[in-house]
C-alpha cells in the first residue's frame, strides 16, 4: 500500500489554516453583531415615541435571529476555501504548463 505524503508547503499551509480557523472563528464570533448594535444605537438615538422604540427592538431581534456561529464559520472557513482553491488552481496551471513544454518523441 502506498503512503500518502504531504509536501512541505502543504504542511505549512495546513498549520496556518488551523491557526486561521481559530483566530478567524473567534474574531467572527466576537464581532458578529457589531453592525446590528450600531444600527440599534442609531435607531434609539432617533426615537421620538415608544412605538419607534419598539420598532427598533423588533428590527434588532430580527437581525439577531442569525446565530453567531454562522458568522464565525463564514469568517473562519470562507477565506480558507478561496485560498486553497486558488492555490491548487495555480499548482494545476503550473503542472499543465510544464507538461506542454516537454519534448515528445514519436519515433
Protein backbone atom coordinates (compact mmCIF):
# COMPACT_ATOMS: atom_id res chain seq x y z
CA UNK A 1 0.00 0.00 0.00
CA UNK A 2 1.32 3.40 -0.95
CA UNK A 3 1.63 6.02 1.76
CA UNK A 4 0.27 9.47 1.10
CA UNK A 5 2.83 12.11 1.97
CA UNK A 6 2.29 15.84 2.05
CA UNK A 7 4.78 18.25 0.56
CA UNK A 8 6.45 20.74 2.90
CA UNK A 9 4.43 23.68 1.59
CA UNK A 10 1.20 21.73 2.16
CA UNK A 11 2.12 21.02 5.78
CA UNK A 12 2.93 24.69 6.39
CA UNK A 13 -0.34 25.87 4.86
CA UNK A 14 -2.36 23.28 6.79
CA UNK A 15 -0.87 24.55 10.05
CA UNK A 16 -1.55 28.15 9.01
CA UNK A 17 -5.11 27.17 8.09
CA UNK A 18 -5.75 25.67 11.51
CA UNK A 19 -4.36 28.80 13.14
CA UNK A 20 -6.59 30.96 10.91
CA UNK A 21 -9.66 28.88 11.81
CA UNK A 22 -9.05 29.55 15.50
CA UNK A 23 -8.29 33.26 15.09
CA UNK A 24 -10.86 33.95 12.36
CA UNK A 25 -13.57 31.99 14.13
CA UNK A 26 -13.08 33.83 17.40
CA UNK A 27 -12.97 37.17 15.58
CA UNK A 28 -16.17 36.31 13.69
CA UNK A 29 -17.84 35.25 16.94
CA UNK A 30 -16.79 38.42 18.76
CA UNK A 31 -17.82 40.84 16.00
CA UNK A 32 -20.90 39.04 14.66
CA UNK A 33 -23.38 41.61 15.97
CA UNK A 34 -21.35 44.82 15.70
CA UNK A 35 -23.40 46.24 12.83
CA UNK A 36 -26.67 45.23 14.48
CA UNK A 37 -25.67 47.01 17.70
CA UNK A 38 -24.55 50.14 15.84
CA UNK A 39 -27.81 50.28 13.87
CA UNK A 40 -29.81 49.77 17.07
CA UNK A 41 -27.99 52.61 18.84
CA UNK A 42 -28.61 54.96 15.90
CA UNK A 43 -32.27 53.95 15.83
CA UNK A 44 -32.66 54.53 19.57
CA UNK A 45 -31.00 57.94 19.26
CA UNK A 46 -33.67 58.94 16.73
CA UNK A 47 -36.61 57.65 18.83
CA UNK A 48 -39.49 60.04 19.35
CA UNK A 49 -42.24 57.71 20.62
CA UNK A 50 -42.48 54.39 22.39
CA UNK A 51 -43.73 52.81 19.15
CA UNK A 52 -40.47 53.88 17.48
CA UNK A 53 -38.51 52.22 20.29
CA UNK A 54 -40.48 49.00 19.86
CA UNK A 55 -39.82 49.12 16.10
CA UNK A 56 -36.08 49.45 16.85
CA UNK A 57 -36.25 46.45 19.18
CA UNK A 58 -38.15 44.36 16.63
CA UNK A 59 -35.62 45.19 13.93
CA UNK A 60 -32.75 44.26 16.25
CA UNK A 61 -34.37 40.98 17.30
CA UNK A 62 -34.93 40.04 13.65
CA UNK A 63 -31.27 40.74 12.87
CA UNK A 64 -30.14 38.74 15.91
CA UNK A 65 -32.04 35.69 14.65
CA UNK A 66 -28.91 34.67 12.71
CA UNK A 67 -26.74 32.73 15.18
CA UNK A 68 -23.24 33.90 15.96
CA UNK A 69 -21.89 30.54 14.90
CA UNK A 70 -22.88 31.21 11.29
CA UNK A 71 -20.82 34.41 11.21
CA UNK A 72 -17.90 32.73 12.93
CA UNK A 73 -17.98 29.83 10.47
CA UNK A 74 -18.13 32.11 7.44
CA UNK A 75 -15.18 34.17 8.67
CA UNK A 76 -13.18 31.08 9.63
CA UNK A 77 -13.80 28.91 6.57
CA UNK A 78 -14.68 31.30 3.74
CA UNK A 79 -11.21 32.75 3.16
CA UNK A 80 -9.66 29.28 3.51
CA UNK A 81 -11.87 27.87 0.81
CA UNK A 82 -10.93 30.66 -1.59
CA UNK A 83 -7.24 30.39 -0.68
CA UNK A 84 -6.95 26.61 -1.12
CA UNK A 85 -8.91 26.62 -4.38
CA UNK A 86 -6.69 29.38 -5.78
CA UNK A 87 -3.55 27.62 -4.57
CA UNK A 88 -4.46 24.28 -6.12
CA UNK A 89 -5.61 26.03 -9.28
CA UNK A 90 -2.18 27.64 -9.51
CA UNK A 91 -0.44 24.29 -8.92
CA UNK A 92 -2.52 22.62 -11.63
CA UNK A 93 -1.82 25.50 -14.02
CA UNK A 94 1.94 25.24 -13.46
CA UNK A 95 1.83 21.46 -13.99
CA UNK A 96 -0.19 21.90 -17.16
CA UNK A 97 2.28 24.47 -18.50
CA UNK A 98 5.25 22.22 -17.67
CA UNK A 99 3.64 19.29 -19.47
CA UNK A 100 3.18 21.47 -22.53
CA UNK A 101 6.90 22.24 -22.78
CA UNK A 102 8.05 18.62 -22.59
CA UNK A 103 9.52 17.31 -25.77
CA UNK A 104 7.54 14.32 -27.00
CA UNK A 105 9.37 11.79 -29.13
CA UNK A 106 7.24 9.94 -31.57
CA UNK A 107 9.99 7.93 -33.27
